[in-house]
Amino acid sequence: MTPADYEFLRTFLKERSGLVLSNDKQYLIESRLLPVAKELGIDSISALVAKLKTPLGRAAGERVVDAMTTNESFFFRDKTPFDHFDNVMLPALMDARKTERKIRIWCAAASTGQEPYSLAMLIKDMGLKASSFRFDILGTDISREVLDRAKAGTYTQFEVQRGLPIQLLLNHFTQNGEQWELSPTIRQMVQFRQLNLFDSFNALGKFDIVFIRNVLIYFEQSAKVDILERVAKQMAPDGYMVLGAAETVVGLTDAFKAVPGSRGLYQPNAEATGATGLPSSRPFSSGMGTSSLGLKSA
């Protein structure tokens, strides 16, 4: 790979996905893109770059973005956000939504689905307390490949051992050889959609809870500001946004304010945004039926 090839790929990835690579990430490019080149019948990174520059390079470009933006995920990652979901967000929102009885949740950069499925399992295990509410859970990611895996709801032994409590494994999964299959009930509670965070969010509608964790760290500051302020516009005034442990809104935007005593948890700042009203109508539906809990599948 020549220096010119590397510079082209840095620009290509930044424009397509927002991923910012420093000057010393050639090894990462080679380790992730050489398998892509071989898959496409190309023998080098330079030849792959040449293909990306042609009108026929669109499919190759999607594979390149998939390979470079696929990040690991695991069930109940970091635990604290899920404690906040159980103990802070859901009690407050269920009390505030006594009339509407609908709560919409967006997991951005959902990867292979462990985060939205973790939330679905928590809701399912609330039993009758949640049965009169409709929960719409949307998981989005830029990568078609990881979304296909998420929709399948099948995980390896290694994947289910990372963060998933044994009781939840027994309650919601069935073992099939070396794979563990998530129950249809949980799978039907989550809808997945391909979305680039640089695209418009308008068609998604309003959300009560947004998990956008461990993705902003890959973007430059102006992109972080843009994404956060557009997320704020998609949220209910009393909604909640969850960032990763290494992420913050401090120094970026005043569209959100921290929730005291809850690390990584934020709410829209009404003084800054002038936001009013409750979530708008729900624009997406999986077309699936309700679960045994009476939860609308999303």
C-alpha atoms as a PDB file:
ATOM      1  CA  MET A   1       0.000   0.000   0.000  1.00  0.00           C
ATOM      2  CA  THR A   2       1.461   3.322  -1.073  1.00  0.00           C
ATOM      3  CA  PRO A   3       1.177   6.560   0.945  1.00  0.00           C
ATOM      4  CA  ALA A   4      -1.218   7.829  -1.739  1.00  0.00           C
ATOM      5  CA  ASP A   5      -3.417   4.742  -1.302  1.00  0.00           C
ATOM      6  CA  TYR A   6      -3.539   5.286   2.448  1.00  0.00           C
ATOM      7  CA  GLU A   7      -4.485   8.953   2.060  1.00  0.00           C
ATOM      8  CA  PHE A   8      -7.235   8.010  -0.396  1.00  0.00           C
ATOM      9  CA  LEU A   9      -8.654   5.456   2.050  1.00  0.00           C
ATOM     10  CA  ARG A  10      -8.507   7.901   4.957  1.00  0.00           C
ATOM     11  CA  THR A  11     -10.502  10.450   2.950  1.00  0.00           C
ATOM     12  CA  PHE A  12     -12.865   7.802   1.572  1.00  0.00           C
ATOM     13  CA  LEU A  13     -13.687   6.440   5.039  1.00  0.00           C
ATOM     14  CA  LYS A  14     -14.114   9.877   6.577  1.00  0.00           C
ATOM     15  CA  GLU A  15     -16.522  10.957   3.836  1.00  0.00           C
ATOM     16  CA  ARG A  16     -18.505   7.704   3.819  1.00  0.00           C
ATOM     17  CA  SER A  17     -18.675   6.897   7.529  1.00  0.00           C
ATOM     18  CA  GLY A  18     -17.083   9.677   9.567  1.00  0.00           C
ATOM     19  CA  LEU A  19     -14.272   7.361  10.675  1.00  0.00           C
ATOM     20  CA  VAL A  20     -11.110   9.362  11.307  1.00  0.00           C
ATOM     21  CA  LEU A  21      -7.822   7.464  11.020  1.00  0.00           C
ATOM     22  CA  SER A  22      -4.552   8.904  12.260  1.00  0.00           C
ATOM     23  CA  ASN A  23      -1.342   8.780  10.243  1.00  0.00           C
ATOM     24  CA  ASP A  24      -0.170   5.525  11.872  1.00  0.00           C
ATOM     25  CA  LYS A  25      -3.096   3.173  11.163  1.00  0.00           C
ATOM     26  CA  GLN A  26      -1.743   1.516   8.009  1.00  0.00           C
ATOM     27  CA  TYR A  27      -1.559  -1.785   9.864  1.00  0.00           C
ATOM     28  CA  LEU A  28      -5.280  -1.566  10.681  1.00  0.00           C
ATOM     29  CA  ILE A  29      -6.154  -0.864   7.055  1.00  0.00           C
ATOM     30  CA  GLU A  30      -4.118  -3.834   5.856  1.00  0.00           C
ATOM     31  CA  SER A  31      -5.421  -6.264   8.479  1.00  0.00           C
ATOM     32  CA  ARG A  32      -9.056  -5.438   7.747  1.00  0.00           C
ATOM     33  CA  LEU A  33      -8.989  -4.775   4.013  1.00  0.00           C
ATOM     34  CA  LEU A  34      -6.692  -7.496   2.700  1.00  0.00           C
ATOM     35  CA  PRO A  35      -9.394 -10.139   3.416  1.00  0.00           C
ATOM     36  CA  VAL A  36     -11.908  -7.899   1.609  1.00  0.00           C
ATOM     37  CA  ALA A  37      -9.575  -7.627  -1.385  1.00  0.00           C
ATOM     38  CA  LYS A  38      -9.157 -11.399  -1.535  1.00  0.00           C
ATOM     39  CA  GLU A  39     -12.920 -11.888  -1.231  1.00  0.00           C
ATOM     40  CA  LEU A  40     -13.355  -9.626  -4.276  1.00  0.00           C
ATOM     41  CA  GLY A  41     -10.623 -11.427  -6.242  1.00  0.00           C
ATOM     42  CA  ILE A  42      -8.170  -8.552  -5.868  1.00  0.00           C
ATOM     43  CA  ASP A  43      -4.561  -9.209  -4.918  1.00  0.00           C
ATOM     44  CA  SER A  44      -3.559  -5.975  -3.140  1.00  0.00           C
ATOM     45  CA  ILE A  45      -4.779  -2.890  -1.295  1.00  0.00           C
ATOM     46  CA  SER A  46      -3.583  -0.735  -4.193  1.00  0.00           C
ATOM     47  CA  ALA A  47      -5.751  -2.714  -6.617  1.00  0.00           C
ATOM     48  CA  LEU A  48      -8.693  -2.357  -4.243  1.00  0.00           C
ATOM     49  CA  VAL A  49      -8.175   1.412  -4.155  1.00  0.00           C
ATOM     50  CA  ALA A  50      -8.111   1.461  -7.949  1.00  0.00           C
ATOM     51  CA  LYS A  51     -11.458  -0.374  -8.008  1.00  0.00           C
ATOM     52  CA  LEU A  52     -12.982   2.080  -5.531  1.00  0.00           C
ATOM     53  CA  LYS A  53     -12.150   4.894  -7.941  1.00  0.00           C
ATOM     54  CA  THR A  54     -14.196   3.342 -10.755  1.00  0.00           C
ATOM     55  CA  PRO A  55     -17.970   3.618 -11.365  1.00  0.00           C
ATOM     56  CA  LEU A  56     -18.204  -0.125 -10.623  1.00  0.00           C
ATOM     57  CA  GLY A  57     -16.662   0.242  -7.175  1.00  0.00           C
ATOM     58  CA  ARG A  58     -19.834   0.907  -5.186  1.00  0.00           C
ATOM     59  CA  ALA A  59     -20.253  -2.658  -3.864  1.00  0.00           C
ATOM     60  CA  ALA A  60     -16.561  -2.801  -3.003  1.00  0.00           C
ATOM     61  CA  GLY A  61     -16.944   0.509  -1.196  1.00  0.00           C
ATOM     62  CA  GLU A  62     -19.724  -0.896   0.993  1.00  0.00           C
ATOM     63  CA  ARG A  63     -17.525  -3.857   1.905  1.00  0.00           C
ATOM     64  CA  VAL A  64     -14.649  -1.539   2.770  1.00  0.00           C
ATOM     65  CA  VAL A  65     -16.858   0.582   5.042  1.00  0.00           C
ATOM     66  CA  ASP A  66     -18.301  -2.564   6.651  1.00  0.00           C
ATOM     67  CA  ALA A  67     -14.851  -3.964   7.367  1.00  0.00           C
ATOM     68  CA  MET A  68     -13.488  -0.751   8.828  1.00  0.00           C
ATOM     69  CA  THR A  69     -16.486   0.264  10.929  1.00  0.00           C
ATOM     70  CA  THR A  70     -17.474  -3.095  12.409  1.00  0.00           C
ATOM     71  CA  ASN A  71     -16.877  -2.834  16.149  1.00  0.00           C
ATOM     72  CA  GLU A  72     -17.304  -5.429  18.835  1.00  0.00           C
ATOM     73  CA  SER A  73     -20.389  -5.540  20.987  1.00  0.00           C
ATOM     74  CA  PHE A  74     -21.527  -7.716  23.850  1.00  0.00           C
ATOM     75  CA  PHE A  75     -24.542  -8.165  26.071  1.00  0.00           C
ATOM     76  CA  PHE A  76     -24.990  -5.666  28.938  1.00  0.00           C
ATOM     77  CA  ARG A  77     -21.757  -3.944  27.973  1.00  0.00           C
ATOM     78  CA  ASP A  78     -20.440  -1.779  30.835  1.00  0.00           C
ATOM     79  CA  LYS A  79     -23.493  -2.681  32.992  1.00  0.00           C
ATOM     80  CA  THR A  80     -24.007   0.881  34.333  1.00  0.00           C
ATOM     81  CA  PRO A  81     -26.168   2.093  31.404  1.00  0.00           C
ATOM     82  CA  PHE A  82     -28.462  -0.896  31.878  1.00  0.00           C
ATOM     83  CA  ASP A  83     -28.755  -0.154  35.601  1.00  0.00           C
ATOM     84  CA  HIS A  84     -29.754   3.406  34.640  1.00  0.00           C
ATOM     85  CA  PHE A  85     -32.282   1.973  32.165  1.00  0.00           C
ATOM     86  CA  ASP A  86     -33.836  -0.197  34.871  1.00  0.00           C
ATOM     87  CA  ASN A  87     -33.656   2.210  37.792  1.00  0.00           C
ATOM     88  CA  VAL A  88     -33.832   5.716  36.316  1.00  0.00           C
ATOM     89  CA  MET A  89     -35.122   5.864  32.751  1.00  0.00           C
ATOM     90  CA  LEU A  90     -37.931   3.317  32.716  1.00  0.00           C
ATOM     91  CA  PRO A  91     -39.526   4.306  36.057  1.00  0.00           C
ATOM     92  CA  ALA A  92     -39.561   7.986  35.091  1.00  0.00           C
ATOM     93  CA  LEU A  93     -40.828   7.443  31.552  1.00  0.00           C
ATOM     94  CA  MET A  94     -43.452   4.858  32.457  1.00  0.00           C
ATOM     95  CA  ASP A  95     -44.828   7.266  35.027  1.00  0.00           C
ATOM     96  CA  ALA A  96     -44.800  10.143  32.512  1.00  0.00           C
ATOM     97  CA  ARG A  97     -46.385   8.008  29.759  1.00  0.00           C
ATOM     98  CA  LYS A  98     -49.357   6.681  31.777  1.00  0.00           C
ATOM     99  CA  THR A  99     -51.744   7.973  29.151  1.00  0.00           C
ATOM    100  CA  GLU A 100     -49.823   7.325  25.937  1.00  0.00           C
ATOM    101  CA  ARG A 101     -48.297   4.037  27.146  1.00  0.00           C
ATOM    102  CA  LYS A 102     -45.714   4.029  24.380  1.00  0.00           C
ATOM    103  CA  ILE A 103     -41.949   4.258  24.756  1.00  0.00           C
ATOM    104  CA  ARG A 104     -39.583   4.411  21.793  1.00  0.00           C
ATOM    105  CA  ILE A 105     -35.922   3.426  22.095  1.00  0.00           C
ATOM    106  CA  TRP A 106     -33.145   3.917  19.544  1.00  0.00           C
ATOM    107  CA  CYS A 107     -29.834   2.055  19.736  1.00  0.00           C
ATOM    108  CA  ALA A 108     -27.504   3.777  17.271  1.00  0.00           C
ATOM    109  CA  ALA A 109     -24.439   1.866  16.040  1.00  0.00           C
ATOM    110  CA  ALA A 110     -26.092  -1.318  17.287  1.00  0.00           C
ATOM    111  CA  SER A 111     -23.608  -3.646  15.582  1.00  0.00           C
ATOM    112  CA  THR A 112     -24.631  -7.312  15.968  1.00  0.00           C
ATOM    113  CA  GLY A 113     -27.582  -6.479  18.191  1.00  0.00           C
ATOM    114  CA  GLN A 114     -26.493  -7.275  21.725  1.00  0.00           C
ATOM    115  CA  GLU A 115     -27.376  -3.829  23.088  1.00  0.00           C
ATOM    116  CA  PRO A 116     -31.007  -3.596  21.884  1.00  0.00           C
ATOM    117  CA  TYR A 117     -31.579  -7.257  22.722  1.00  0.00           C
ATOM    118  CA  SER A 118     -30.235  -6.640  26.248  1.00  0.00           C
ATOM    119  CA  LEU A 119     -32.821  -3.870  26.658  1.00  0.00           C
ATOM    120  CA  ALA A 120     -35.558  -6.123  25.262  1.00  0.00           C
ATOM    121  CA  MET A 121     -34.715  -8.841  27.798  1.00  0.00           C
ATOM    122  CA  LEU A 122     -34.875  -6.333  30.658  1.00  0.00           C
ATOM    123  CA  ILE A 123     -38.300  -5.170  29.479  1.00  0.00           C
ATOM    124  CA  LYS A 124     -39.552  -8.723  29.013  1.00  0.00           C
ATOM    125  CA  ASP A 125     -38.482  -9.674  32.522  1.00  0.00           C
ATOM    126  CA  MET A 126     -40.476  -6.796  33.994  1.00  0.00           C
ATOM    127  CA  GLY A 127     -43.545  -8.960  33.337  1.00  0.00           C
ATOM    128  CA  LEU A 128     -46.941  -7.449  34.138  1.00  0.00           C
ATOM    129  CA  LYS A 129     -45.424  -4.098  35.068  1.00  0.00           C
ATOM    130  CA  ALA A 130     -44.589  -3.496  31.396  1.00  0.00           C
ATOM    131  CA  SER A 131     -47.388  -5.482  29.812  1.00  0.00           C
ATOM    132  CA  SER A 132     -49.696  -2.505  29.248  1.00  0.00           C
ATOM    133  CA  PHE A 133     -46.979  -0.512  27.477  1.00  0.00           C
ATOM    134  CA  ARG A 134     -45.855  -0.691  23.880  1.00  0.00           C
ATOM    135  CA  PHE A 135     -42.065  -0.600  23.519  1.00  0.00           C
ATOM    136  CA  ASP A 136     -40.617   0.124  20.088  1.00  0.00           C
ATOM    137  CA  ILE A 137     -36.896  -0.668  19.936  1.00  0.00           C
ATOM    138  CA  LEU A 138     -34.909   0.321  16.847  1.00  0.00           C
ATOM    139  CA  GLY A 139     -31.301  -0.735  16.247  1.00  0.00           C
ATOM    140  CA  THR A 140     -29.363   0.975  13.463  1.00  0.00           C
ATOM    141  CA  ASP A 141     -25.907   0.523  12.016  1.00  0.00           C
ATOM    142  CA  ILE A 142     -24.030   1.513   8.888  1.00  0.00           C
ATOM    143  CA  SER A 143     -23.024  -2.094   8.177  1.00  0.00           C
ATOM    144  CA  ARG A 144     -25.426  -4.428   6.380  1.00  0.00           C
ATOM    145  CA  GLU A 145     -23.301  -7.387   7.432  1.00  0.00           C
ATOM    146  CA  VAL A 146     -23.631  -6.841  11.170  1.00  0.00           C
ATOM    147  CA  LEU A 147     -27.333  -6.020  10.823  1.00  0.00           C
ATOM    148  CA  ASP A 148     -27.938  -9.341   9.088  1.00  0.00           C
ATOM    149  CA  ARG A 149     -26.295 -11.059  12.051  1.00  0.00           C
ATOM    150  CA  ALA A 150     -28.347  -8.999  14.484  1.00  0.00           C
ATOM    151  CA  LYS A 151     -31.603  -9.922  12.770  1.00  0.00           C
ATOM    152  CA  ALA A 152     -30.698 -13.612  12.921  1.00  0.00           C
ATOM    153  CA  GLY A 153     -30.276 -13.453  16.715  1.00  0.00           C
ATOM    154  CA  THR A 154     -27.734 -16.276  16.755  1.00  0.00           C
ATOM    155  CA  TYR A 155     -24.598 -16.036  18.861  1.00  0.00           C
ATOM    156  CA  THR A 156     -21.570 -18.166  19.659  1.00  0.00           C
ATOM    157  CA  GLN A 157     -20.743 -19.604  23.061  1.00  0.00           C
ATOM    158  CA  PHE A 158     -18.054 -16.949  23.428  1.00  0.00           C
ATOM    159  CA  GLU A 159     -20.511 -14.149  22.634  1.00  0.00           C
ATOM    160  CA  VAL A 160     -23.153 -15.244  25.136  1.00  0.00           C
ATOM    161  CA  GLN A 161     -20.520 -15.659  27.847  1.00  0.00           C
ATOM    162  CA  ARG A 162     -19.534 -11.984  27.546  1.00  0.00           C
ATOM    163  CA  GLY A 163     -21.787 -10.080  29.935  1.00  0.00           C
ATOM    164  CA  LEU A 164     -24.948 -12.184  29.688  1.00  0.00           C
ATOM    165  CA  PRO A 165     -26.182 -13.433  33.090  1.00  0.00           C
ATOM    166  CA  ILE A 166     -26.715 -17.194  33.100  1.00  0.00           C
ATOM    167  CA  GLN A 167     -30.386 -16.862  34.049  1.00  0.00           C
ATOM    168  CA  LEU A 168     -31.092 -14.649  31.038  1.00  0.00           C
ATOM    169  CA  LEU A 169     -29.265 -17.120  28.818  1.00  0.00           C
ATOM    170  CA  LEU A 170     -31.461 -19.943  30.083  1.00  0.00           C
ATOM    171  CA  ASN A 171     -34.640 -17.873  29.883  1.00  0.00           C
ATOM    172  CA  HIS A 172     -34.223 -16.422  26.424  1.00  0.00           C
ATOM    173  CA  PHE A 173     -31.879 -18.633  24.387  1.00  0.00           C
ATOM    174  CA  THR A 174     -31.938 -22.126  22.957  1.00  0.00           C
ATOM    175  CA  GLN A 175     -28.714 -23.988  22.285  1.00  0.00           C
ATOM    176  CA  ASN A 176     -28.276 -25.402  18.796  1.00  0.00           C
ATOM    177  CA  GLY A 177     -24.932 -27.158  18.538  1.00  0.00           C
ATOM    178  CA  GLU A 178     -22.244 -24.565  19.148  1.00  0.00           C
ATOM    179  CA  GLN A 179     -24.670 -21.680  18.612  1.00  0.00           C
ATOM    180  CA  TRP A 180     -27.216 -20.054  20.891  1.00  0.00           C
ATOM    181  CA  GLU A 181     -30.458 -18.827  19.315  1.00  0.00           C
ATOM    182  CA  LEU A 182     -32.361 -15.924  20.836  1.00  0.00           C
ATOM    183  CA  SER A 183     -36.066 -16.570  21.356  1.00  0.00           C
ATOM    184  CA  PRO A 184     -38.483 -15.271  18.700  1.00  0.00           C
ATOM    185  CA  THR A 185     -40.262 -13.261  21.412  1.00  0.00           C
ATOM    186  CA  ILE A 186     -37.162 -11.174  22.100  1.00  0.00           C
ATOM    187  CA  ARG A 187     -36.160 -10.915  18.432  1.00  0.00           C
ATOM    188  CA  GLN A 188     -39.605  -9.591  17.527  1.00  0.00           C
ATOM    189  CA  MET A 189     -39.275  -6.776  20.053  1.00  0.00           C
ATOM    190  CA  VAL A 190     -36.438  -5.191  18.049  1.00  0.00           C
ATOM    191  CA  GLN A 191     -36.396  -3.815  14.522  1.00  0.00           C
ATOM    192  CA  PHE A 192     -33.133  -3.173  12.670  1.00  0.00           C
ATOM    193  CA  ARG A 193     -32.444  -0.644   9.959  1.00  0.00           C
ATOM    194  CA  GLN A 194     -29.330   0.430   8.075  1.00  0.00           C
ATOM    195  CA  LEU A 195     -28.404   4.024   8.853  1.00  0.00           C
ATOM    196  CA  ASN A 196     -25.325   6.165   8.404  1.00  0.00           C
ATOM    197  CA  LEU A 197     -25.106   8.642  11.291  1.00  0.00           C
ATOM    198  CA  PHE A 198     -24.210  11.316   8.737  1.00  0.00           C
ATOM    199  CA  ASP A 199     -27.605  10.887   7.062  1.00  0.00           C
ATOM    200  CA  SER A 200     -30.803  12.650   8.151  1.00  0.00           C
ATOM    201  CA  PHE A 201     -32.615  11.278  11.210  1.00  0.00           C
ATOM    202  CA  ASN A 202     -35.928  12.938  10.345  1.00  0.00           C
ATOM    203  CA  ALA A 203     -37.627   9.798   9.039  1.00  0.00           C
ATOM    204  CA  LEU A 204     -36.966   7.997  12.329  1.00  0.00           C
ATOM    205  CA  GLY A 205     -39.434  10.079  14.318  1.00  0.00           C
ATOM    206  CA  LYS A 206     -39.140  10.994  18.000  1.00  0.00           C
ATOM    207  CA  PHE A 207     -37.550   8.852  20.720  1.00  0.00           C
ATOM    208  CA  ASP A 208     -37.813   8.650  24.489  1.00  0.00           C
ATOM    209  CA  ILE A 209     -34.441   6.935  24.934  1.00  0.00           C
ATOM    210  CA  VAL A 210     -31.354   7.011  22.709  1.00  0.00           C
ATOM    211  CA  PHE A 211     -28.335   4.783  23.271  1.00  0.00           C
ATOM    212  CA  ILE A 212     -25.453   6.107  21.170  1.00  0.00           C
ATOM    213  CA  ARG A 213     -22.456   4.573  22.869  1.00  0.00           C
ATOM    214  CA  ASN A 214     -18.838   4.042  21.882  1.00  0.00           C
ATOM    215  CA  VAL A 215     -19.210   5.450  18.382  1.00  0.00           C
ATOM    216  CA  LEU A 216     -18.650   9.207  18.712  1.00  0.00           C
ATOM    217  CA  ILE A 217     -15.075   8.571  19.831  1.00  0.00           C
ATOM    218  CA  TYR A 218     -14.209   7.672  16.227  1.00  0.00           C
ATOM    219  CA  PHE A 219     -15.348  11.042  14.828  1.00  0.00           C
ATOM    220  CA  GLU A 220     -13.737  14.457  14.719  1.00  0.00           C
ATOM    221  CA  GLN A 221     -15.187  17.182  16.934  1.00  0.00           C
ATOM    222  CA  SER A 222     -17.339  18.917  14.317  1.00  0.00           C
ATOM    223  CA  ALA A 223     -18.982  15.592  13.415  1.00  0.00           C
ATOM    224  CA  LYS A 224     -19.687  14.833  17.090  1.00  0.00           C
ATOM    225  CA  VAL A 225     -21.374  18.215  17.517  1.00  0.00           C
ATOM    226  CA  ASP A 226     -23.473  17.722  14.386  1.00  0.00           C
ATOM    227  CA  ILE A 227     -24.637  14.241  15.388  1.00  0.00           C
ATOM    228  CA  LEU A 228     -25.428  15.166  18.987  1.00  0.00           C
ATOM    229  CA  GLU A 229     -27.460  18.221  17.998  1.00  0.00           C
ATOM    230  CA  ARG A 230     -29.419  16.226  15.424  1.00  0.00           C
ATOM    231  CA  VAL A 231     -30.066  13.502  18.009  1.00  0.00           C
ATOM    232  CA  ALA A 232     -31.441  16.152  20.370  1.00  0.00           C
ATOM    233  CA  LYS A 233     -33.997  17.159  17.741  1.00  0.00           C
ATOM    234  CA  GLN A 234     -35.295  13.576  17.604  1.00  0.00           C
ATOM    235  CA  MET A 235     -35.898  13.314  21.349  1.00  0.00           C
ATOM    236  CA  ALA A 236     -38.786  13.909  23.699  1.00  0.00           C
ATOM    237  CA  PRO A 237     -38.066  16.845  26.053  1.00  0.00           C
ATOM    238  CA  ASP A 238     -38.025  14.465  29.044  1.00  0.00           C
ATOM    239  CA  GLY A 239     -36.152  11.717  27.204  1.00  0.00           C
ATOM    240  CA  TYR A 240     -32.732  10.257  27.953  1.00  0.00           C
ATOM    241  CA  MET A 241     -29.550   9.835  25.942  1.00  0.00           C
ATOM    242  CA  VAL A 242     -26.807   7.389  26.927  1.00  0.00           C
ATOM    243  CA  LEU A 243     -23.176   7.841  25.864  1.00  0.00           C
ATOM    244  CA  GLY A 244     -20.203   5.534  26.299  1.00  0.00           C
ATOM    245  CA  ALA A 245     -17.927   5.701  29.325  1.00  0.00           C
ATOM    246  CA  ALA A 246     -15.270   7.644  27.396  1.00  0.00           C
ATOM    247  CA  GLU A 247     -17.732  10.062  25.786  1.00  0.00           C
ATOM    248  CA  THR A 248     -19.244  13.344  26.929  1.00  0.00           C
ATOM    249  CA  VAL A 249     -21.215  16.357  25.688  1.00  0.00           C
ATOM    250  CA  VAL A 250     -19.018  18.722  27.719  1.00  0.00           C
ATOM    251  CA  GLY A 251     -17.243  21.158  25.460  1.00  0.00           C
ATOM    252  CA  LEU A 252     -19.279  20.021  22.450  1.00  0.00           C
ATOM    253  CA  THR A 253     -22.878  21.174  22.774  1.00  0.00           C
ATOM    254  CA  ASP A 254     -25.353  22.600  25.265  1.00  0.00           C
ATOM    255  CA  ALA A 255     -28.227  20.671  23.655  1.00  0.00           C
ATOM    256  CA  PHE A 256     -27.991  18.163  26.528  1.00  0.00           C
ATOM    257  CA  LYS A 257     -27.571  18.363  30.275  1.00  0.00           C
ATOM    258  CA  ALA A 258     -26.133  15.648  32.515  1.00  0.00           C
ATOM    259  CA  VAL A 259     -28.472  13.726  34.814  1.00  0.00           C
ATOM    260  CA  PRO A 260     -27.035  14.224  38.328  1.00  0.00           C
ATOM    261  CA  GLY A 261     -25.609  11.069  39.881  1.00  0.00           C
ATOM    262  CA  SER A 262     -25.974   8.998  36.696  1.00  0.00           C
ATOM    263  CA  ARG A 263     -22.703   8.745  34.801  1.00  0.00           C
ATOM    264  CA  GLY A 264     -23.068   8.865  31.026  1.00  0.00           C
ATOM    265  CA  LEU A 265     -26.771   9.760  31.171  1.00  0.00           C
ATOM    266  CA  TYR A 266     -28.112  12.987  29.633  1.00  0.00           C
ATOM    267  CA  GLN A 267     -31.406  14.730  28.937  1.00  0.00           C
ATOM    268  CA  PRO A 268     -32.289  17.359  26.332  1.00  0.00           C
ATOM    269  CA  ASN A 269     -31.592  20.850  27.602  1.00  0.00           C
ATOM    270  CA  ALA A 270     -34.900  22.654  27.104  1.00  0.00           C
ATOM    271  CA  GLU A 271     -33.295  26.040  27.762  1.00  0.00           C
ATOM    272  CA  ALA A 272     -30.931  25.493  24.838  1.00  0.00           C
ATOM    273  CA  THR A 273     -33.258  23.741  22.401  1.00  0.00           C
ATOM    274  CA  GLY A 274     -36.622  25.239  23.274  1.00  0.00           C
ATOM    275  CA  ALA A 275     -38.038  21.714  22.972  1.00  0.00           C
ATOM    276  CA  THR A 276     -41.667  21.200  23.917  1.00  0.00           C
ATOM    277  CA  GLY A 277     -44.224  18.461  23.634  1.00  0.00           C
ATOM    278  CA  LEU A 278     -44.160  14.693  23.723  1.00  0.00           C
ATOM    279  CA  PRO A 279     -42.977  12.186  21.090  1.00  0.00           C
ATOM    280  CA  SER A 280     -44.666  12.302  17.733  1.00  0.00           C
ATOM    281  CA  SER A 281     -46.397   9.383  16.037  1.00  0.00           C
ATOM    282  CA  ARG A 282     -44.395   6.208  15.551  1.00  0.00           C
ATOM    283  CA  PRO A 283     -43.284   5.998  11.883  1.00  0.00           C
ATOM    284  CA  PHE A 284     -41.834   2.514  11.824  1.00  0.00           C
ATOM    285  CA  SER A 285     -43.322  -0.905  12.386  1.00  0.00           C
ATOM    286  CA  SER A 286     -41.915  -4.368  11.901  1.00  0.00           C
ATOM    287  CA  GLY A 287     -45.251  -5.724  10.858  1.00  0.00           C
ATOM    288  CA  MET A 288     -44.960  -8.334  13.621  1.00  0.00           C
ATOM    289  CA  GLY A 289     -47.637  -9.087  16.191  1.00  0.00           C
ATOM    290  CA  THR A 290     -47.571  -8.353  19.872  1.00  0.00           C
ATOM    291  CA  SER A 291     -45.620 -10.550  22.220  1.00  0.00           C
ATOM    292  CA  SER A 292     -47.019 -12.501  25.132  1.00  0.00           C
ATOM    293  CA  LEU A 293     -46.334  -9.404  27.221  1.00  0.00           C
ATOM    294  CA  GLY A 294     -48.507  -7.307  24.977  1.00  0.00           C
ATOM    295  CA  LEU A 295     -45.437  -5.405  23.812  1.00  0.00           C
ATOM    296  CA  LYS A 296     -45.617  -4.115  20.255  1.00  0.00           C
ATOM    297  CA  SER A 297     -42.889  -5.765  18.235  1.00  0.00           C
ATOM    298  CA  ALA A 298     -40.511  -3.258  16.747  1.00  0.00           C
END
